[in-house]
Amino acid sequence: MNFQRNTVHGFRAKVSRRSIYLALIFLSNAALFCGASAQDPVLTGTVADTESERGLPRAHVFIASSMIGTTTDRDGKFVLEGVPPGAHRLVVTMLGYESVHVTHCSGLDIHTNLIFTLSLRLLSWRRLLLMHDLLADGRDA
């Protein structure tokens, strides 16, 4: 097949190249815009003891009324991914410590670093004796 070039065909080639360039520019901008807005924020931080200021391993950090949560590593650091934009109630718990509840608004920053400090929860002697008696009788506390 032998193709001949003429001005009409040459004009079409210029238009199609120009439209391809414009389409590529449009799609690349749209991909950048959609990619930035579709990325969920990531919450990172540390959970530490109030008195010693040391990181608390295996503390639970989660969003109330959701299935989104994680635990801290051995240094008390955590990464909570998949947090949808908006206001959320964050809960930080650990056995033997008072829980912390904080309302956090995500969506403005993609990456947020938080620091939580937990205080020891003191149990009364009466409660400890009751738990001891129940365990001695073989019942669950």
C-alpha atoms as a PDB file:
ATOM      1  CA  MET A   1       0.000   0.000   0.000  1.00  0.00           C
ATOM      2  CA  ASN A   2       1.281   3.337  -1.001  1.00  0.00           C
ATOM      3  CA  PHE A   3       0.120   6.360   0.974  1.00  0.00           C
ATOM      4  CA  GLN A   4       0.394   9.792  -0.492  1.00  0.00           C
ATOM      5  CA  ARG A   5       0.748  12.841   1.647  1.00  0.00           C
ATOM      6  CA  ASN A   6      -1.452  15.761   0.896  1.00  0.00           C
ATOM      7  CA  THR A   7      -2.312  18.913   2.773  1.00  0.00           C
ATOM      8  CA  VAL A   8      -5.572  17.522   4.115  1.00  0.00           C
ATOM      9  CA  HIS A   9      -3.888  14.426   5.441  1.00  0.00           C
ATOM     10  CA  GLY A  10      -1.013  16.500   6.857  1.00  0.00           C
ATOM     11  CA  PHE A  11      -3.511  18.786   8.575  1.00  0.00           C
ATOM     12  CA  ARG A  12      -5.273  15.782  10.095  1.00  0.00           C
ATOM     13  CA  ALA A  13      -1.966  14.455  11.373  1.00  0.00           C
ATOM     14  CA  LYS A  14      -1.243  17.782  13.072  1.00  0.00           C
ATOM     15  CA  VAL A  15      -4.708  17.871  14.613  1.00  0.00           C
ATOM     16  CA  SER A  16      -4.465  14.338  15.885  1.00  0.00           C
ATOM     17  CA  ARG A  17      -1.012  14.949  17.346  1.00  0.00           C
ATOM     18  CA  ARG A  18      -2.246  18.131  18.982  1.00  0.00           C
ATOM     19  CA  SER A  19      -5.327  16.401  20.351  1.00  0.00           C
ATOM     20  CA  ILE A  20      -3.181  13.520  21.619  1.00  0.00           C
ATOM     21  CA  TYR A  21      -0.910  15.991  23.432  1.00  0.00           C
ATOM     22  CA  LEU A  22      -3.893  17.817  24.907  1.00  0.00           C
ATOM     23  CA  ALA A  23      -5.481  14.539  25.968  1.00  0.00           C
ATOM     24  CA  LEU A  24      -2.246  13.414  27.634  1.00  0.00           C
ATOM     25  CA  ILE A  25      -1.922  16.709  29.494  1.00  0.00           C
ATOM     26  CA  PHE A  26      -5.548  16.542  30.597  1.00  0.00           C
ATOM     27  CA  LEU A  27      -5.289  12.912  31.735  1.00  0.00           C
ATOM     28  CA  SER A  28      -2.029  13.442  33.605  1.00  0.00           C
ATOM     29  CA  ASN A  29      -3.524  16.419  35.495  1.00  0.00           C
ATOM     30  CA  ALA A  30      -6.691  14.467  36.229  1.00  0.00           C
ATOM     31  CA  ALA A  31      -4.669  11.494  37.478  1.00  0.00           C
ATOM     32  CA  LEU A  32      -2.613  13.720  39.768  1.00  0.00           C
ATOM     33  CA  PHE A  33      -5.712  15.441  41.129  1.00  0.00           C
ATOM     34  CA  CYS A  34      -7.677  12.229  41.678  1.00  0.00           C
ATOM     35  CA  GLY A  35      -4.682  10.425  43.143  1.00  0.00           C
ATOM     36  CA  ALA A  36      -4.095  13.134  45.754  1.00  0.00           C
ATOM     37  CA  SER A  37      -7.724  13.330  46.783  1.00  0.00           C
ATOM     38  CA  ALA A  38      -8.264   9.560  46.893  1.00  0.00           C
ATOM     39  CA  GLN A  39      -5.328   8.927  49.212  1.00  0.00           C
ATOM     40  CA  ASP A  40      -6.492   8.251  52.766  1.00  0.00           C
ATOM     41  CA  PRO A  41      -4.679  10.021  55.588  1.00  0.00           C
ATOM     42  CA  VAL A  42      -2.161   8.087  57.686  1.00  0.00           C
ATOM     43  CA  LEU A  43      -1.970   8.631  61.439  1.00  0.00           C
ATOM     44  CA  THR A  44       1.325   7.831  63.113  1.00  0.00           C
ATOM     45  CA  GLY A  45       2.446   8.427  66.630  1.00  0.00           C
ATOM     46  CA  THR A  46       3.636   7.191  69.969  1.00  0.00           C
ATOM     47  CA  VAL A  47       1.882   5.901  73.087  1.00  0.00           C
ATOM     48  CA  ALA A  48       3.941   6.469  76.245  1.00  0.00           C
ATOM     49  CA  ASP A  49       3.653   6.100  80.008  1.00  0.00           C
ATOM     50  CA  THR A  50       2.898   9.449  81.698  1.00  0.00           C
ATOM     51  CA  GLU A  51       5.443   9.059  84.499  1.00  0.00           C
ATOM     52  CA  SER A  52       8.389   7.367  82.803  1.00  0.00           C
ATOM     53  CA  GLU A  53       7.722   8.774  79.289  1.00  0.00           C
ATOM     54  CA  ARG A  54       8.738   5.395  77.867  1.00  0.00           C
ATOM     55  CA  GLY A  55       6.896   3.889  74.920  1.00  0.00           C
ATOM     56  CA  LEU A  56       4.204   1.337  75.759  1.00  0.00           C
ATOM     57  CA  PRO A  57       4.301  -1.839  73.634  1.00  0.00           C
ATOM     58  CA  ARG A  58       1.080  -3.562  72.527  1.00  0.00           C
ATOM     59  CA  ALA A  59      -1.222  -0.618  73.301  1.00  0.00           C
ATOM     60  CA  HIS A  60      -4.362  -0.504  71.154  1.00  0.00           C
ATOM     61  CA  VAL A  61      -5.066   2.521  68.936  1.00  0.00           C
ATOM     62  CA  PHE A  62      -8.354   2.489  67.031  1.00  0.00           C
ATOM     63  CA  ILE A  63     -11.220   4.554  65.689  1.00  0.00           C
ATOM     64  CA  ALA A  64     -14.358   4.118  67.789  1.00  0.00           C
ATOM     65  CA  SER A  65     -17.290   2.427  66.016  1.00  0.00           C
ATOM     66  CA  SER A  66     -15.106   1.112  63.206  1.00  0.00           C
ATOM     67  CA  MET A  67     -12.872  -1.798  62.332  1.00  0.00           C
ATOM     68  CA  ILE A  68      -9.848   0.477  61.799  1.00  0.00           C
ATOM     69  CA  GLY A  69      -7.160  -0.022  64.418  1.00  0.00           C
ATOM     70  CA  THR A  70      -3.665  -1.173  65.224  1.00  0.00           C
ATOM     71  CA  THR A  71      -1.297  -1.920  68.101  1.00  0.00           C
ATOM     72  CA  THR A  72       1.947  -0.245  69.041  1.00  0.00           C
ATOM     73  CA  ASP A  73       5.327  -1.835  68.452  1.00  0.00           C
ATOM     74  CA  ARG A  74       7.849  -2.490  71.222  1.00  0.00           C
ATOM     75  CA  ASP A  75       8.863   1.193  71.243  1.00  0.00           C
ATOM     76  CA  GLY A  76       5.267   2.391  71.562  1.00  0.00           C
ATOM     77  CA  LYS A  77       5.032   3.618  67.955  1.00  0.00           C
ATOM     78  CA  PHE A  78       2.034   2.993  65.712  1.00  0.00           C
ATOM     79  CA  VAL A  79       0.879   3.529  62.119  1.00  0.00           C
ATOM     80  CA  LEU A  80      -2.861   3.729  61.488  1.00  0.00           C
ATOM     81  CA  GLU A  81      -3.642   3.551  57.759  1.00  0.00           C
ATOM     82  CA  GLY A  82      -6.891   3.701  55.848  1.00  0.00           C
ATOM     83  CA  VAL A  83      -8.394   6.515  57.920  1.00  0.00           C
ATOM     84  CA  PRO A  84     -11.216   8.115  55.927  1.00  0.00           C
ATOM     85  CA  PRO A  85     -11.343  11.931  55.906  1.00  0.00           C
ATOM     86  CA  GLY A  86     -13.536  13.559  58.541  1.00  0.00           C
ATOM     87  CA  ALA A  87     -13.883  13.770  62.300  1.00  0.00           C
ATOM     88  CA  HIS A  88     -13.158  10.583  64.225  1.00  0.00           C
ATOM     89  CA  ARG A  89     -12.990   9.576  67.867  1.00  0.00           C
ATOM     90  CA  LEU A  90      -9.617   7.935  68.471  1.00  0.00           C
ATOM     91  CA  VAL A  91      -9.313   5.563  71.411  1.00  0.00           C
ATOM     92  CA  VAL A  92      -6.040   4.459  72.992  1.00  0.00           C
ATOM     93  CA  THR A  93      -6.159   1.617  75.530  1.00  0.00           C
ATOM     94  CA  MET A  94      -3.792  -0.677  77.357  1.00  0.00           C
ATOM     95  CA  LEU A  95      -4.345  -3.124  80.173  1.00  0.00           C
ATOM     96  CA  GLY A  96      -3.574  -1.470  83.514  1.00  0.00           C
ATOM     97  CA  TYR A  97      -3.798   2.075  82.131  1.00  0.00           C
ATOM     98  CA  GLU A  98      -6.553   4.669  81.846  1.00  0.00           C
ATOM     99  CA  SER A  99      -8.029   4.900  78.338  1.00  0.00           C
ATOM    100  CA  VAL A 100      -7.648   8.073  76.277  1.00  0.00           C
ATOM    101  CA  HIS A 101     -10.396   9.310  73.936  1.00  0.00           C
ATOM    102  CA  VAL A 102      -9.593  12.110  71.478  1.00  0.00           C
ATOM    103  CA  THR A 103     -11.602  13.647  68.643  1.00  0.00           C
ATOM    104  CA  HIS A 104      -9.373  14.101  65.603  1.00  0.00           C
ATOM    105  CA  CYS A 105     -10.224  15.740  62.266  1.00  0.00           C
ATOM    106  CA  SER A 106      -8.410  14.145  59.362  1.00  0.00           C
ATOM    107  CA  GLY A 107      -8.442  15.095  55.718  1.00  0.00           C
ATOM    108  CA  LEU A 108      -6.449  18.305  55.815  1.00  0.00           C
ATOM    109  CA  ASP A 109      -3.083  16.609  56.266  1.00  0.00           C
ATOM    110  CA  ILE A 110      -2.229  13.335  54.585  1.00  0.00           C
ATOM    111  CA  HIS A 111       0.256  12.439  57.330  1.00  0.00           C
ATOM    112  CA  THR A 112      -0.370  13.297  61.001  1.00  0.00           C
ATOM    113  CA  ASN A 113       1.897  12.474  63.956  1.00  0.00           C
ATOM    114  CA  LEU A 114       0.223  12.116  67.375  1.00  0.00           C
ATOM    115  CA  ILE A 115       1.598  11.576  70.885  1.00  0.00           C
ATOM    116  CA  PHE A 116      -0.525   9.946  73.604  1.00  0.00           C
ATOM    117  CA  THR A 117       0.406   9.505  77.257  1.00  0.00           C
ATOM    118  CA  LEU A 118      -1.408   6.983  79.443  1.00  0.00           C
ATOM    119  CA  SER A 119      -1.628   7.037  83.247  1.00  0.00           C
ATOM    120  CA  LEU A 120      -1.618   3.923  85.385  1.00  0.00           C
ATOM    121  CA  ARG A 121      -5.061   2.828  86.535  1.00  0.00           C
ATOM    122  CA  LEU A 122      -5.096   2.165  90.250  1.00  0.00           C
ATOM    123  CA  LEU A 123      -7.402  -0.565  91.473  1.00  0.00           C
ATOM    124  CA  SER A 124      -8.840  -0.443  94.972  1.00  0.00           C
ATOM    125  CA  TRP A 125      -7.815  -3.088  97.503  1.00  0.00           C
ATOM    126  CA  ARG A 126     -11.422  -4.162  97.814  1.00  0.00           C
ATOM    127  CA  ARG A 127     -11.602  -4.909  94.078  1.00  0.00           C
ATOM    128  CA  LEU A 128      -8.266  -6.758  94.153  1.00  0.00           C
ATOM    129  CA  LEU A 129      -9.433  -8.916  97.069  1.00  0.00           C
ATOM    130  CA  LEU A 130     -12.704  -9.678  95.284  1.00  0.00           C
ATOM    131  CA  MET A 131     -10.806 -10.698  92.143  1.00  0.00           C
ATOM    132  CA  HIS A 132      -8.485 -12.862  94.256  1.00  0.00           C
ATOM    133  CA  ASP A 133     -11.425 -14.610  95.930  1.00  0.00           C
ATOM    134  CA  LEU A 134     -13.140 -15.272  92.623  1.00  0.00           C
ATOM    135  CA  LEU A 135      -9.963 -16.709  91.095  1.00  0.00           C
ATOM    136  CA  ALA A 136      -9.344 -18.873  94.163  1.00  0.00           C
ATOM    137  CA  ASP A 137     -12.861 -20.338  93.848  1.00  0.00           C
ATOM    138  CA  GLY A 138     -12.212 -21.128  90.177  1.00  0.00           C
ATOM    139  CA  ARG A 139     -14.674 -18.537  88.796  1.00  0.00           C
ATOM    140  CA  ASP A 140     -13.848 -15.901  86.192  1.00  0.00           C
ATOM    141  CA  ALA A 141     -13.368 -12.356  87.466  1.00  0.00           C
END
